[in-house]
Amino acid sequence: MELTKIETFAKVETADTSGADMMVARCLAAAADGDVNAYYDLGVAYSTGSHGVNCDLVEAHKWFNLAASTGHEAASWCRADVSDEMTAVEISEAQRRAREWLRAGISRAA
């Protein structure tokens, strides 16, 4: 198919780099620097399926767990709420991912 024909059928839009399209990317960058509020915001995004990510309770639990481990009170409550909807295997996987994130951060710092 010729490019002009493809362009006729494809709707191409540029990403909104100032808004929700970039929220998760900005939070991931901040989380890599240890920003506790970014951990919490990522947990909210994954638990609600907002800001361009699908709802993923394992990822949500991971981020809430990381935030809660630093004393973020709201994250503790959110982690408990998310846990109510997860299996023991899913919670275990979320905890494994959180430990992996922390280990990777120690490796980056070294």
Protein backbone atom coordinates (compact mmCIF):
# COMPACT_ATOMS: atom_id res chain seq x y z
CA MET A 1 0.00 0.00 0.00
CA GLU A 2 1.34 3.41 -0.85
CA LEU A 3 2.20 5.83 1.95
CA THR A 4 -0.37 8.37 0.81
CA LYS A 5 -3.11 5.75 1.03
CA ILE A 6 -2.00 4.77 4.52
CA GLU A 7 -2.02 8.40 5.66
CA THR A 8 -5.56 8.72 4.36
CA PHE A 9 -6.76 5.93 6.68
CA ALA A 10 -4.46 6.53 9.65
CA LYS A 11 -5.23 9.23 12.12
CA VAL A 12 -1.90 10.55 13.40
CA GLU A 13 -1.81 12.74 16.48
CA THR A 14 1.20 14.06 18.31
CA ALA A 15 1.59 13.16 21.96
CA ASP A 16 0.59 15.71 24.56
CA THR A 17 4.01 16.15 26.15
CA SER A 18 2.66 18.64 28.67
CA GLY A 19 -0.20 16.57 30.02
CA ALA A 20 -1.34 13.13 31.03
CA ASP A 21 0.56 11.37 28.25
CA MET A 22 3.82 12.21 30.02
CA MET A 23 2.72 11.87 33.65
CA VAL A 24 3.83 8.25 33.99
CA ALA A 25 7.16 8.93 32.26
CA ARG A 26 7.83 11.88 34.58
CA CYS A 27 6.88 9.81 37.63
CA LEU A 28 9.12 6.93 36.58
CA ALA A 29 12.04 9.33 36.22
CA ALA A 30 11.31 10.85 39.63
CA ALA A 31 10.86 7.38 41.16
CA ALA A 32 14.30 6.42 39.88
CA ASP A 33 15.59 9.31 41.99
CA GLY A 34 13.69 8.01 45.03
CA ASP A 35 10.76 10.45 44.97
CA VAL A 36 8.19 8.97 47.36
CA ASN A 37 5.32 11.00 45.90
CA ALA A 38 6.15 9.61 42.45
CA TYR A 39 5.85 6.08 43.90
CA TYR A 40 2.42 6.97 45.22
CA ASP A 41 1.31 8.65 41.97
CA LEU A 42 2.37 5.57 39.99
CA GLY A 43 0.38 3.39 42.37
CA VAL A 44 -2.69 5.55 41.77
CA ALA A 45 -2.22 5.45 37.99
CA TYR A 46 -1.87 1.65 37.89
CA SER A 47 -4.69 1.02 40.37
CA THR A 48 -7.13 3.16 38.39
CA GLY A 49 -5.86 2.49 34.87
CA SER A 50 -5.34 6.19 34.22
CA HIS A 51 -2.74 8.35 32.46
CA GLY A 52 -2.31 5.94 29.59
CA VAL A 53 -1.60 2.76 31.56
CA ASN A 54 -3.85 -0.24 31.96
CA CYS A 55 -5.16 -1.18 35.38
CA ASP A 56 -2.52 -3.50 36.88
CA LEU A 57 -2.98 -4.28 40.56
CA VAL A 58 0.39 -6.02 40.85
CA GLU A 59 2.18 -2.86 39.62
CA ALA A 60 -0.09 -0.68 41.76
CA HIS A 61 0.73 -2.72 44.87
CA LYS A 62 4.44 -2.52 44.07
CA TRP A 63 4.40 1.28 43.88
CA PHE A 64 2.16 1.68 46.94
CA ASN A 65 4.42 -0.71 48.84
CA LEU A 66 7.53 1.32 47.95
CA ALA A 67 5.83 4.54 49.06
CA ALA A 68 4.45 2.95 52.24
CA SER A 69 7.88 1.60 53.17
CA THR A 70 9.06 5.20 53.51
CA GLY A 71 6.15 6.18 55.74
CA HIS A 72 3.66 7.50 53.16
CA GLU A 73 0.42 6.98 55.10
CA ALA A 74 -2.01 7.24 52.18
CA ALA A 75 0.04 4.65 50.29
CA SER A 76 -0.37 2.23 53.19
CA TRP A 77 -4.15 2.56 52.99
CA CYS A 78 -4.15 2.22 49.20
CA ARG A 79 -1.90 -0.84 49.35
CA ALA A 80 -4.34 -2.47 51.78
CA ASP A 81 -7.30 -1.67 49.52
CA VAL A 82 -5.55 -3.06 46.45
CA SER A 83 -4.50 -6.18 48.38
CA ASP A 84 -8.15 -6.99 49.08
CA GLU A 85 -8.64 -7.57 45.34
CA MET A 86 -5.47 -9.64 44.80
CA THR A 87 -4.51 -13.27 45.27
CA ALA A 88 -1.62 -14.30 47.50
CA VAL A 89 0.41 -15.10 44.38
CA GLU A 90 -0.20 -11.62 42.95
CA ILE A 91 0.82 -9.97 46.23
CA SER A 92 3.96 -12.08 46.32
CA GLU A 93 4.80 -11.00 42.77
CA ALA A 94 4.23 -7.34 43.67
CA GLN A 95 6.56 -7.68 46.65
CA ARG A 96 9.19 -9.36 44.47
CA ARG A 97 8.98 -6.50 41.97
CA ALA A 98 9.35 -3.93 44.75
CA ARG A 99 12.47 -5.69 46.06
CA GLU A 100 13.83 -5.85 42.52
CA TRP A 101 13.24 -2.09 42.09
CA LEU A 102 15.10 -1.38 45.31
CA ARG A 103 18.01 -3.63 44.34
CA ALA A 104 18.25 -1.95 40.94
CA GLY A 105 18.37 1.44 42.67
CA ILE A 106 21.25 0.33 44.87
CA SER A 107 23.07 -0.90 41.75
CA ARG A 108 22.51 2.45 40.01
CA ALA A 109 23.84 4.34 43.02
CA ALA A 110 27.03 2.29 43.19
